[in-house]
Amino acid sequence: MARFATRVVLVGVLFLIFCTVAEAQRAEAGFYGEYLGFSPAALGGPGIKGLLAINLHIALEGEFAYEFNRTFNETTLDPSGATSVIKSRMHATNLLAGVAFSKPSPKIRPFVTMKMGLLTINPSSLPAPLVSTNTILNDIRASHRNFAIFPAAGVEAYSGRWGFRLDIGDELYFLHGAKSNVRITFGPNYIF
């Protein structure tokens, strides 16, 4: 029964999306490169993002981003108090949705946006008796899926249906308080 209800809700949401797109003044899709700076700095790095926007009078945007695996050295403690350095890995994914406000123009559009959703950070697990000396990584391992907001500003430049988008913002995720992370996104857009 729950599976049936989930499918009915999904079909209803897709129907609403298609109705909204039919009424939209324009829709955009883009595929971007991005940089997300994590604290500690060794965890920041490049990633990719896909975005779909539907413009009624304001743009409704949804995006999914994947931050590539990063390898870094991590200092650990064993139960006896001895330290050792091991190689660890981490990647992150974002699923965000929100609104964007822009100045209507056929060529160059500055915009501001506010999105919210989930930031999932996946560090590699440590062997059982070891604990990281990095408290941020210990917290992330305990709760790796966190609420996030992304206020940003940027510019889109178009020539016909193709364009380029650049946005810079602060992706805040909440884990024992707000954690601030600079995020820069850039790449091509297509209007359909």
N, C-alpha and C. Protein backbone atom coordinates (compact mmCIF):
# COMPACT_ATOMS: atom_id res chain seq x y z
N MET A 1 0.82 -1.19 0.00
CA MET A 1 0.00 0.00 0.00
C MET A 1 0.87 1.26 0.00
N ALA A 2 1.94 1.25 0.82
CA ALA A 2 2.83 2.41 0.89
C ALA A 2 3.50 2.65 -0.46
N ARG A 3 3.87 1.56 -1.13
CA ARG A 3 4.51 1.68 -2.45
C ARG A 3 3.54 2.30 -3.45
N PHE A 4 2.27 1.88 -3.42
CA PHE A 4 1.26 2.45 -4.30
C PHE A 4 1.06 3.93 -4.02
N ALA A 5 0.98 4.30 -2.74
CA ALA A 5 0.80 5.71 -2.37
C ALA A 5 1.98 6.56 -2.83
N THR A 6 3.19 6.02 -2.70
CA THR A 6 4.38 6.74 -3.17
C THR A 6 4.32 6.98 -4.67
N ARG A 7 3.89 5.97 -5.41
CA ARG A 7 3.78 6.12 -6.88
C ARG A 7 2.72 7.14 -7.26
N VAL A 8 1.59 7.13 -6.56
CA VAL A 8 0.53 8.10 -6.84
C VAL A 8 1.04 9.52 -6.58
N VAL A 9 1.74 9.73 -5.47
CA VAL A 9 2.29 11.06 -5.16
C VAL A 9 3.30 11.46 -6.22
N LEU A 10 4.18 10.53 -6.63
CA LEU A 10 5.19 10.83 -7.65
C LEU A 10 4.54 11.21 -8.98
N VAL A 11 3.53 10.48 -9.40
CA VAL A 11 2.82 10.81 -10.64
C VAL A 11 2.15 12.17 -10.52
N GLY A 12 1.55 12.46 -9.36
CA GLY A 12 0.94 13.77 -9.14
C GLY A 12 1.94 14.91 -9.22
N VAL A 13 3.11 14.73 -8.61
CA VAL A 13 4.16 15.76 -8.65
C VAL A 13 4.64 15.95 -10.08
N LEU A 14 4.88 14.86 -10.82
CA LEU A 14 5.31 14.98 -12.22
C LEU A 14 4.25 15.68 -13.06
N PHE A 15 2.98 15.38 -12.83
CA PHE A 15 1.90 16.05 -13.54
C PHE A 15 1.92 17.56 -13.28
N LEU A 16 2.09 17.95 -12.00
CA LEU A 16 2.17 19.38 -11.67
C LEU A 16 3.37 20.05 -12.32
N ILE A 17 4.50 19.35 -12.36
CA ILE A 17 5.70 19.91 -13.00
C ILE A 17 5.44 20.13 -14.49
N PHE A 18 4.84 19.14 -15.17
CA PHE A 18 4.57 19.30 -16.60
C PHE A 18 3.57 20.41 -16.87
N CYS A 19 2.55 20.55 -16.01
CA CYS A 19 1.59 21.66 -16.16
C CYS A 19 2.27 23.00 -15.96
N THR A 20 3.17 23.07 -14.99
CA THR A 20 3.90 24.31 -14.73
C THR A 20 4.80 24.66 -15.90
N VAL A 21 5.49 23.67 -16.46
CA VAL A 21 6.36 23.91 -17.61
C VAL A 21 5.54 24.40 -18.80
N ALA A 22 4.35 23.85 -19.00
CA ALA A 22 3.50 24.28 -20.11
C ALA A 22 3.10 25.74 -19.97
N GLU A 23 2.93 26.23 -18.73
CA GLU A 23 2.56 27.62 -18.49
C GLU A 23 3.76 28.55 -18.38
N ALA A 24 4.94 28.00 -18.33
CA ALA A 24 6.14 28.80 -18.08
C ALA A 24 6.46 29.72 -19.24
N GLN A 25 7.09 30.84 -18.90
CA GLN A 25 7.58 31.76 -19.92
C GLN A 25 8.83 31.19 -20.58
N ARG A 26 9.62 30.47 -19.80
CA ARG A 26 10.79 29.78 -20.35
C ARG A 26 11.27 28.77 -19.32
N ALA A 27 12.02 27.83 -19.79
CA ALA A 27 12.66 26.87 -18.89
C ALA A 27 14.13 26.78 -19.31
N GLU A 28 14.99 26.46 -18.36
CA GLU A 28 16.43 26.36 -18.62
C GLU A 28 16.96 25.07 -18.04
N ALA A 29 17.98 24.56 -18.68
CA ALA A 29 18.70 23.42 -18.14
C ALA A 29 20.19 23.72 -18.29
N GLY A 30 20.98 23.26 -17.35
CA GLY A 30 22.41 23.51 -17.42
C GLY A 30 23.20 22.38 -16.77
N PHE A 31 24.43 22.27 -17.19
CA PHE A 31 25.37 21.30 -16.64
C PHE A 31 26.63 22.08 -16.32
N TYR A 32 27.07 22.05 -15.07
CA TYR A 32 28.10 22.97 -14.61
C TYR A 32 29.26 22.26 -13.93
N GLY A 33 30.40 22.94 -13.95
CA GLY A 33 31.50 22.59 -13.08
C GLY A 33 31.37 23.45 -11.85
N GLU A 34 31.88 22.97 -10.72
CA GLU A 34 31.79 23.77 -9.52
C GLU A 34 32.95 23.49 -8.58
N TYR A 35 33.14 24.41 -7.66
CA TYR A 35 34.12 24.26 -6.59
C TYR A 35 33.39 24.49 -5.29
N LEU A 36 33.53 23.55 -4.35
CA LEU A 36 32.93 23.69 -3.04
C LEU A 36 34.06 23.65 -2.02
N GLY A 37 34.24 24.73 -1.27
CA GLY A 37 35.31 24.81 -0.28
C GLY A 37 34.82 24.37 1.08
N PHE A 38 35.27 23.23 1.56
CA PHE A 38 34.89 22.74 2.88
C PHE A 38 35.89 23.18 3.91
N SER A 39 35.44 23.20 5.15
CA SER A 39 36.34 23.40 6.26
C SER A 39 36.43 22.08 7.00
N PRO A 40 37.57 21.48 7.21
CA PRO A 40 38.92 21.94 6.91
C PRO A 40 39.19 21.99 5.41
N ALA A 41 40.11 22.86 5.02
CA ALA A 41 40.36 23.18 3.61
C ALA A 41 40.74 21.97 2.77
N ALA A 42 41.38 20.96 3.34
CA ALA A 42 41.81 19.79 2.57
C ALA A 42 40.62 19.04 1.98
N LEU A 43 39.41 19.30 2.47
CA LEU A 43 38.24 18.58 1.99
C LEU A 43 37.55 19.28 0.83
N GLY A 44 37.92 20.50 0.48
CA GLY A 44 37.31 21.23 -0.61
C GLY A 44 37.81 20.74 -1.95
N GLY A 45 37.05 21.00 -3.02
CA GLY A 45 37.50 20.61 -4.34
C GLY A 45 36.42 20.71 -5.39
N PRO A 46 36.72 20.19 -6.58
CA PRO A 46 35.82 20.34 -7.72
C PRO A 46 34.67 19.34 -7.69
N GLY A 47 33.64 19.66 -8.49
CA GLY A 47 32.51 18.78 -8.64
C GLY A 47 31.74 19.14 -9.90
N ILE A 48 30.59 18.49 -10.09
CA ILE A 48 29.72 18.77 -11.22
C ILE A 48 28.30 18.99 -10.69
N LYS A 49 27.48 19.72 -11.48
CA LYS A 49 26.12 20.03 -11.05
C LYS A 49 25.21 20.09 -12.26
N GLY A 50 23.99 19.61 -12.10
CA GLY A 50 22.95 19.77 -13.10
C GLY A 50 21.85 20.64 -12.51
N LEU A 51 21.23 21.49 -13.32
CA LEU A 51 20.20 22.41 -12.84
C LEU A 51 19.06 22.46 -13.84
N LEU A 52 17.83 22.52 -13.33
CA LEU A 52 16.64 22.73 -14.13
C LEU A 52 15.89 23.90 -13.51
N ALA A 53 15.54 24.89 -14.33
CA ALA A 53 14.82 26.07 -13.85
C ALA A 53 13.58 26.29 -14.69
N ILE A 54 12.48 26.62 -14.03
CA ILE A 54 11.23 26.95 -14.70
C ILE A 54 10.89 28.37 -14.32
N ASN A 55 10.74 29.24 -15.32
CA ASN A 55 10.51 30.65 -15.06
C ASN A 55 9.05 30.98 -15.27
N LEU A 56 8.35 31.27 -14.18
CA LEU A 56 6.98 31.77 -14.28
C LEU A 56 7.09 33.28 -14.24
N HIS A 57 7.15 33.87 -13.09
CA HIS A 57 7.52 35.29 -12.96
C HIS A 57 8.80 35.38 -12.15
N ILE A 58 9.05 34.34 -11.39
CA ILE A 58 10.35 34.12 -10.75
C ILE A 58 10.79 32.74 -11.20
N ALA A 59 12.06 32.46 -11.11
CA ALA A 59 12.55 31.15 -11.54
C ALA A 59 12.51 30.18 -10.36
N LEU A 60 11.91 29.03 -10.59
CA LEU A 60 11.93 27.94 -9.62
C LEU A 60 13.06 27.01 -10.07
N GLU A 61 14.06 26.83 -9.22
CA GLU A 61 15.25 26.06 -9.61
C GLU A 61 15.41 24.83 -8.74
N GLY A 62 15.85 23.75 -9.35
CA GLY A 62 16.21 22.54 -8.65
C GLY A 62 17.57 22.08 -9.16
N GLU A 63 18.40 21.57 -8.29
CA GLU A 63 19.74 21.17 -8.71
C GLU A 63 20.22 19.95 -7.93
N PHE A 64 21.07 19.19 -8.59
CA PHE A 64 21.76 18.08 -7.96
C PHE A 64 23.24 18.25 -8.26
N ALA A 65 24.09 18.14 -7.25
CA ALA A 65 25.53 18.31 -7.44
C ALA A 65 26.27 17.13 -6.82
N TYR A 66 27.37 16.75 -7.43
CA TYR A 66 28.24 15.68 -6.92
C TYR A 66 29.65 16.23 -6.82
N GLU A 67 30.21 16.19 -5.64
CA GLU A 67 31.60 16.61 -5.42
C GLU A 67 32.47 15.36 -5.51
N PHE A 68 33.49 15.40 -6.34
CA PHE A 68 34.34 14.23 -6.59
C PHE A 68 35.03 13.76 -5.31
N ASN A 69 35.41 12.48 -5.31
CA ASN A 69 36.15 11.90 -4.19
C ASN A 69 37.44 12.67 -3.94
N ARG A 70 37.74 12.95 -2.70
CA ARG A 70 39.00 13.58 -2.31
C ARG A 70 39.72 12.61 -1.39
N THR A 71 41.02 12.50 -1.57
CA THR A 71 41.84 11.68 -0.69
C THR A 71 42.67 12.63 0.16
N PHE A 72 42.76 12.35 1.45
CA PHE A 72 43.50 13.21 2.36
C PHE A 72 44.07 12.36 3.48
N ASN A 73 45.08 12.90 4.14
CA ASN A 73 45.67 12.23 5.30
C ASN A 73 44.87 12.60 6.54
N GLU A 74 44.58 11.60 7.36
CA GLU A 74 43.80 11.82 8.57
C GLU A 74 44.56 11.22 9.76
N THR A 75 44.72 12.01 10.79
CA THR A 75 45.38 11.54 12.01
C THR A 75 44.34 10.86 12.89
N THR A 76 44.66 9.65 13.35
CA THR A 76 43.73 8.89 14.17
C THR A 76 44.36 8.51 15.50
N LEU A 77 43.50 8.21 16.46
CA LEU A 77 43.91 7.70 17.78
C LEU A 77 43.38 6.29 17.95
N ASP A 78 44.21 5.40 18.51
CA ASP A 78 43.70 4.08 18.87
C ASP A 78 43.37 4.10 20.37
N PRO A 79 42.76 3.04 20.90
CA PRO A 79 42.35 3.05 22.32
C PRO A 79 43.50 3.28 23.31
N SER A 80 44.74 2.95 22.92
CA SER A 80 45.87 3.15 23.83
C SER A 80 46.38 4.59 23.81
N GLY A 81 45.87 5.41 22.89
CA GLY A 81 46.30 6.80 22.78
C GLY A 81 47.37 7.03 21.74
N ALA A 82 47.80 5.98 21.04
CA ALA A 82 48.82 6.12 19.99
C ALA A 82 48.17 6.73 18.75
N THR A 83 48.92 7.61 18.08
CA THR A 83 48.41 8.25 16.86
C THR A 83 49.01 7.59 15.63
N SER A 84 48.26 7.64 14.54
CA SER A 84 48.75 7.17 13.26
C SER A 84 48.08 7.99 12.17
N VAL A 85 48.69 8.04 11.01
CA VAL A 85 48.14 8.78 9.87
C VAL A 85 47.69 7.76 8.83
N ILE A 86 46.44 7.87 8.40
CA ILE A 86 45.93 6.97 7.38
C ILE A 86 45.34 7.79 6.24
N LYS A 87 45.18 7.16 5.08
CA LYS A 87 44.54 7.80 3.94
C LYS A 87 43.03 7.64 4.08
N SER A 88 42.30 8.72 3.92
CA SER A 88 40.84 8.69 3.95
C SER A 88 40.31 9.33 2.68
N ARG A 89 39.05 9.05 2.39
CA ARG A 89 38.38 9.63 1.21
C ARG A 89 37.07 10.26 1.65
N MET A 90 36.60 11.21 0.83
CA MET A 90 35.33 11.86 1.10
C MET A 90 34.75 12.37 -0.20
N HIS A 91 33.43 12.28 -0.35
CA HIS A 91 32.72 12.97 -1.43
C HIS A 91 31.41 13.50 -0.86
N ALA A 92 30.79 14.39 -1.61
CA ALA A 92 29.55 15.01 -1.13
C ALA A 92 28.55 15.09 -2.27
N THR A 93 27.27 15.07 -1.92
CA THR A 93 26.20 15.31 -2.88
C THR A 93 25.25 16.35 -2.30
N ASN A 94 24.65 17.15 -3.17
CA ASN A 94 23.67 18.18 -2.79
C ASN A 94 22.38 17.92 -3.55
N LEU A 95 21.28 18.13 -2.92
CA LEU A 95 19.98 18.18 -3.58
C LEU A 95 19.29 19.42 -3.03
N LEU A 96 19.22 20.47 -3.86
CA LEU A 96 18.70 21.76 -3.42
C LEU A 96 17.61 22.25 -4.36
N ALA A 97 16.67 23.03 -3.82
CA ALA A 97 15.62 23.66 -4.63
C ALA A 97 15.32 25.02 -4.02
N GLY A 98 14.90 25.95 -4.89
CA GLY A 98 14.57 27.27 -4.39
C GLY A 98 14.15 28.20 -5.50
N VAL A 99 14.30 29.49 -5.26
CA VAL A 99 13.88 30.52 -6.20
C VAL A 99 15.07 31.38 -6.61
N ALA A 100 14.95 31.96 -7.80
CA ALA A 100 15.94 32.94 -8.28
C ALA A 100 15.19 34.14 -8.82
N PHE A 101 15.70 35.31 -8.53
CA PHE A 101 15.13 36.56 -9.03
C PHE A 101 16.16 37.19 -9.95
N SER A 102 15.72 37.57 -11.16
CA SER A 102 16.66 38.17 -12.10
C SER A 102 16.03 39.38 -12.78
N LYS A 103 16.90 40.19 -13.35
CA LYS A 103 16.44 41.34 -14.12
C LYS A 103 16.21 40.86 -15.55
N PRO A 104 14.98 40.98 -16.07
CA PRO A 104 14.71 40.51 -17.43
C PRO A 104 15.58 41.22 -18.45
N SER A 105 16.24 40.43 -19.27
CA SER A 105 17.09 40.97 -20.33
C SER A 105 17.37 39.84 -21.32
N PRO A 106 17.42 40.14 -22.61
CA PRO A 106 17.69 39.07 -23.57
C PRO A 106 19.16 38.63 -23.61
N LYS A 107 20.07 39.45 -23.13
CA LYS A 107 21.50 39.13 -23.26
C LYS A 107 22.18 38.81 -21.93
N ILE A 108 22.11 39.73 -20.97
CA ILE A 108 22.81 39.54 -19.69
C ILE A 108 21.81 39.72 -18.55
N ARG A 109 21.76 38.71 -17.67
CA ARG A 109 20.82 38.73 -16.54
C ARG A 109 21.55 38.52 -15.23
N PRO A 110 21.70 39.57 -14.42
CA PRO A 110 22.18 39.34 -13.05
C PRO A 110 21.04 38.72 -12.24
N PHE A 111 21.39 37.90 -11.24
CA PHE A 111 20.35 37.25 -10.44
C PHE A 111 20.83 37.03 -9.02
N VAL A 112 19.86 36.83 -8.13
CA VAL A 112 20.12 36.36 -6.77
C VAL A 112 19.24 35.12 -6.59
N THR A 113 19.72 34.20 -5.77
CA THR A 113 18.98 32.96 -5.56
C THR A 113 19.07 32.53 -4.10
N MET A 114 18.06 31.80 -3.66
CA MET A 114 18.06 31.19 -2.33
C MET A 114 17.49 29.80 -2.49
N LYS A 115 18.30 28.81 -2.13
CA LYS A 115 17.88 27.42 -2.24
C LYS A 115 18.07 26.73 -0.90
N MET A 116 17.33 25.64 -0.70
CA MET A 116 17.52 24.83 0.49
C MET A 116 17.32 23.37 0.13
N GLY A 117 17.86 22.51 0.97
CA GLY A 117 17.74 21.09 0.72
C GLY A 117 18.68 20.30 1.61
N LEU A 118 19.29 19.26 1.03
CA LEU A 118 20.17 18.38 1.79
C LEU A 118 21.58 18.38 1.22
N LEU A 119 22.55 18.40 2.09
CA LEU A 119 23.95 18.18 1.74
C LEU A 119 24.36 16.88 2.42
N THR A 120 24.75 15.90 1.63
CA THR A 120 25.18 14.61 2.16
C THR A 120 26.68 14.50 1.98
N ILE A 121 27.40 14.33 3.08
CA ILE A 121 28.85 14.23 3.06
C ILE A 121 29.21 12.79 3.45
N ASN A 122 29.96 12.12 2.60
CA ASN A 122 30.28 10.71 2.82
C ASN A 122 31.77 10.50 2.98
N PRO A 123 32.30 10.59 4.20
CA PRO A 123 33.71 10.25 4.40
C PRO A 123 33.85 8.73 4.51
N SER A 124 35.04 8.23 4.18
CA SER A 124 35.28 6.80 4.34
C SER A 124 35.24 6.45 5.82
N SER A 125 34.84 5.22 6.11
CA SER A 125 34.77 4.82 7.51
C SER A 125 36.15 4.41 8.00
N LEU A 126 36.35 4.55 9.29
CA LEU A 126 37.63 4.17 9.91
C LEU A 126 37.52 2.75 10.45
N PRO A 127 38.64 2.03 10.52
CA PRO A 127 38.62 0.72 11.18
C PRO A 127 38.11 0.89 12.61
N ALA A 128 37.43 -0.13 13.13
CA ALA A 128 36.67 -0.06 14.38
C ALA A 128 37.34 0.61 15.57
N PRO A 129 38.56 0.31 15.96
CA PRO A 129 39.03 0.94 17.19
C PRO A 129 39.54 2.37 17.01
N LEU A 130 39.70 2.82 15.76
CA LEU A 130 40.31 4.14 15.53
C LEU A 130 39.27 5.25 15.58
N VAL A 131 39.72 6.42 16.07
CA VAL A 131 38.90 7.63 16.11
C VAL A 131 39.74 8.75 15.52
N SER A 132 39.12 9.60 14.69
CA SER A 132 39.83 10.72 14.10
C SER A 132 40.12 11.79 15.14
N THR A 133 41.25 12.49 14.99
CA THR A 133 41.54 13.63 15.86
C THR A 133 40.82 14.88 15.36
N ASN A 134 40.22 14.81 14.16
CA ASN A 134 39.49 15.93 13.57
C ASN A 134 38.03 15.84 14.02
N THR A 135 37.60 16.73 14.90
CA THR A 135 36.24 16.66 15.45
C THR A 135 35.18 16.90 14.37
N ILE A 136 35.49 17.71 13.35
CA ILE A 136 34.52 17.94 12.27
C ILE A 136 34.24 16.63 11.54
N LEU A 137 35.29 15.86 11.23
CA LEU A 137 35.08 14.58 10.55
C LEU A 137 34.32 13.59 11.44
N ASN A 138 34.60 13.58 12.73
CA ASN A 138 33.85 12.71 13.64
C ASN A 138 32.37 13.08 13.64
N ASP A 139 32.06 14.38 13.66
CA ASP A 139 30.67 14.82 13.62
C ASP A 139 30.00 14.43 12.30
N ILE A 140 30.73 14.61 11.18
CA ILE A 140 30.18 14.25 9.86
C ILE A 140 29.90 12.76 9.79
N ARG A 141 30.80 11.94 10.31
CA ARG A 141 30.57 10.48 10.30
C ARG A 141 29.34 10.12 11.13
N ALA A 142 29.09 10.84 12.21
CA ALA A 142 27.93 10.55 13.07
C ALA A 142 26.62 11.00 12.41
N SER A 143 26.65 12.08 11.63
CA SER A 143 25.44 12.62 10.99
C SER A 143 25.82 13.18 9.64
N HIS A 144 25.88 12.34 8.61
CA HIS A 144 26.41 12.79 7.32
C HIS A 144 25.39 13.44 6.41
N ARG A 145 24.08 13.40 6.72
CA ARG A 145 23.06 14.04 5.89
C ARG A 145 22.53 15.24 6.67
N ASN A 146 22.72 16.44 6.11
CA ASN A 146 22.42 17.66 6.85
C ASN A 146 21.60 18.64 6.02
N PHE A 147 20.72 19.38 6.71
CA PHE A 147 19.97 20.47 6.09
C PHE A 147 20.95 21.53 5.62
N ALA A 148 20.72 22.09 4.43
CA ALA A 148 21.61 23.12 3.88
C ALA A 148 20.79 24.24 3.24
N ILE A 149 21.34 25.45 3.28
CA ILE A 149 20.79 26.57 2.52
C ILE A 149 21.91 27.15 1.68
N PHE A 150 21.53 27.72 0.54
CA PHE A 150 22.52 28.25 -0.39
C PHE A 150 22.06 29.61 -0.92
N PRO A 151 22.43 30.71 -0.24
CA PRO A 151 22.19 32.03 -0.81
C PRO A 151 23.33 32.35 -1.79
N ALA A 152 22.99 32.88 -2.95
CA ALA A 152 24.02 33.15 -3.96
C ALA A 152 23.59 34.29 -4.86
N ALA A 153 24.55 34.78 -5.62
CA ALA A 153 24.31 35.79 -6.65
C ALA A 153 25.16 35.43 -7.86
N GLY A 154 24.74 35.89 -9.01
CA GLY A 154 25.51 35.57 -10.20
C GLY A 154 25.00 36.31 -11.41
N VAL A 155 25.45 35.81 -12.56
CA VAL A 155 25.07 36.42 -13.83
C VAL A 155 24.93 35.32 -14.88
N GLU A 156 23.94 35.52 -15.77
CA GLU A 156 23.77 34.65 -16.93
C GLU A 156 23.92 35.53 -18.16
N ALA A 157 24.65 35.04 -19.16
CA ALA A 157 24.83 35.76 -20.43
C ALA A 157 24.37 34.83 -21.55
N TYR A 158 23.52 35.35 -22.46
CA TYR A 158 22.94 34.53 -23.51
C TYR A 158 23.22 35.09 -24.89
N SER A 159 23.34 34.16 -25.84
CA SER A 159 23.39 34.47 -27.26
C SER A 159 22.44 33.46 -27.91
N GLY A 160 21.23 33.87 -28.17
CA GLY A 160 20.22 32.93 -28.67
C GLY A 160 19.74 32.06 -27.52
N ARG A 161 19.66 30.76 -27.79
CA ARG A 161 19.19 29.82 -26.77
C ARG A 161 20.30 29.36 -25.83
N TRP A 162 21.55 29.53 -26.24
CA TRP A 162 22.68 29.08 -25.42
C TRP A 162 23.22 30.22 -24.58
N GLY A 163 23.68 29.90 -23.40
CA GLY A 163 24.23 30.92 -22.51
C GLY A 163 25.25 30.33 -21.57
N PHE A 164 25.74 31.19 -20.70
CA PHE A 164 26.74 30.81 -19.70
C PHE A 164 26.29 31.37 -18.36
N ARG A 165 26.43 30.59 -17.32
CA ARG A 165 25.99 31.00 -15.98
C ARG A 165 27.16 30.91 -15.01
N LEU A 166 27.29 31.91 -14.15
CA LEU A 166 28.28 31.94 -13.08
C LEU A 166 27.55 32.36 -11.81
N ASP A 167 27.67 31.55 -10.76
CA ASP A 167 27.12 32.00 -9.47
C ASP A 167 28.10 31.68 -8.36
N ILE A 168 28.10 32.57 -7.37
CA ILE A 168 28.98 32.46 -6.22
C ILE A 168 28.11 32.63 -4.98
N GLY A 169 28.28 31.71 -4.03
CA GLY A 169 27.46 31.79 -2.83
C GLY A 169 28.11 31.11 -1.65
N ASP A 170 27.34 31.01 -0.59
CA ASP A 170 27.80 30.42 0.65
C ASP A 170 26.86 29.28 1.00
N GLU A 171 27.31 28.04 0.78
CA GLU A 171 26.48 26.90 1.13
C GLU A 171 26.66 26.61 2.61
N LEU A 172 25.60 26.84 3.37
CA LEU A 172 25.62 26.62 4.82
C LEU A 172 24.95 25.30 5.11
N TYR A 173 25.66 24.42 5.83
CA TYR A 173 24.99 23.23 6.32
C TYR A 173 25.03 23.27 7.84
N PHE A 174 24.09 22.58 8.44
CA PHE A 174 23.89 22.70 9.87
C PHE A 174 24.23 21.39 10.56
N LEU A 175 25.32 21.41 11.32
CA LEU A 175 25.79 20.27 12.09
C LEU A 175 26.44 20.85 13.34
N HIS A 176 25.72 20.85 14.45
CA HIS A 176 26.17 21.52 15.69
C HIS A 176 26.46 22.99 15.39
N GLY A 177 25.54 23.66 14.73
CA GLY A 177 25.70 25.05 14.32
C GLY A 177 25.93 25.11 12.82
N ALA A 178 25.89 26.31 12.27
CA ALA A 178 26.06 26.50 10.82
C ALA A 178 27.53 26.39 10.43
N LYS A 179 27.78 25.66 9.35
CA LYS A 179 29.12 25.54 8.78
C LYS A 179 29.09 26.22 7.42
N SER A 180 29.96 27.18 7.20
CA SER A 180 29.98 28.00 6.01
C SER A 180 30.97 27.43 4.99
N ASN A 181 30.54 27.31 3.73
CA ASN A 181 31.37 26.76 2.66
C ASN A 181 31.19 27.57 1.39
N VAL A 182 32.24 28.15 0.87
CA VAL A 182 32.18 28.91 -0.38
C VAL A 182 31.91 27.94 -1.52
N ARG A 183 30.99 28.34 -2.41
CA ARG A 183 30.66 27.50 -3.57
C ARG A 183 30.61 28.37 -4.81
N ILE A 184 31.34 27.98 -5.84
CA ILE A 184 31.39 28.69 -7.12
C ILE A 184 30.95 27.71 -8.20
N THR A 185 29.97 28.12 -9.02
CA THR A 185 29.43 27.27 -10.08
C THR A 185 29.49 28.02 -11.40
N PHE A 186 29.86 27.31 -12.47
CA PHE A 186 29.97 27.94 -13.79
C PHE A 186 29.74 26.90 -14.87
N GLY A 187 29.12 27.34 -15.97
CA GLY A 187 28.93 26.43 -17.10
C GLY A 187 27.83 26.89 -18.03
N PRO A 188 27.55 26.07 -19.06
CA PRO A 188 26.57 26.44 -20.09
C PRO A 188 25.14 26.22 -19.65
N ASN A 189 24.25 27.05 -20.19
CA ASN A 189 22.80 26.97 -19.99
C ASN A 189 22.14 26.83 -21.34
N TYR A 190 20.98 26.21 -21.38
CA TYR A 190 20.19 26.14 -22.61
C TYR A 190 18.75 26.52 -22.27
N ILE A 191 18.16 27.43 -23.02
CA ILE A 191 16.77 27.85 -22.84
C ILE A 191 15.91 27.06 -23.80
N PHE A 192 14.83 26.47 -23.28
CA PHE A 192 13.88 25.78 -24.17
C PHE A 192 12.47 26.16 -23.83
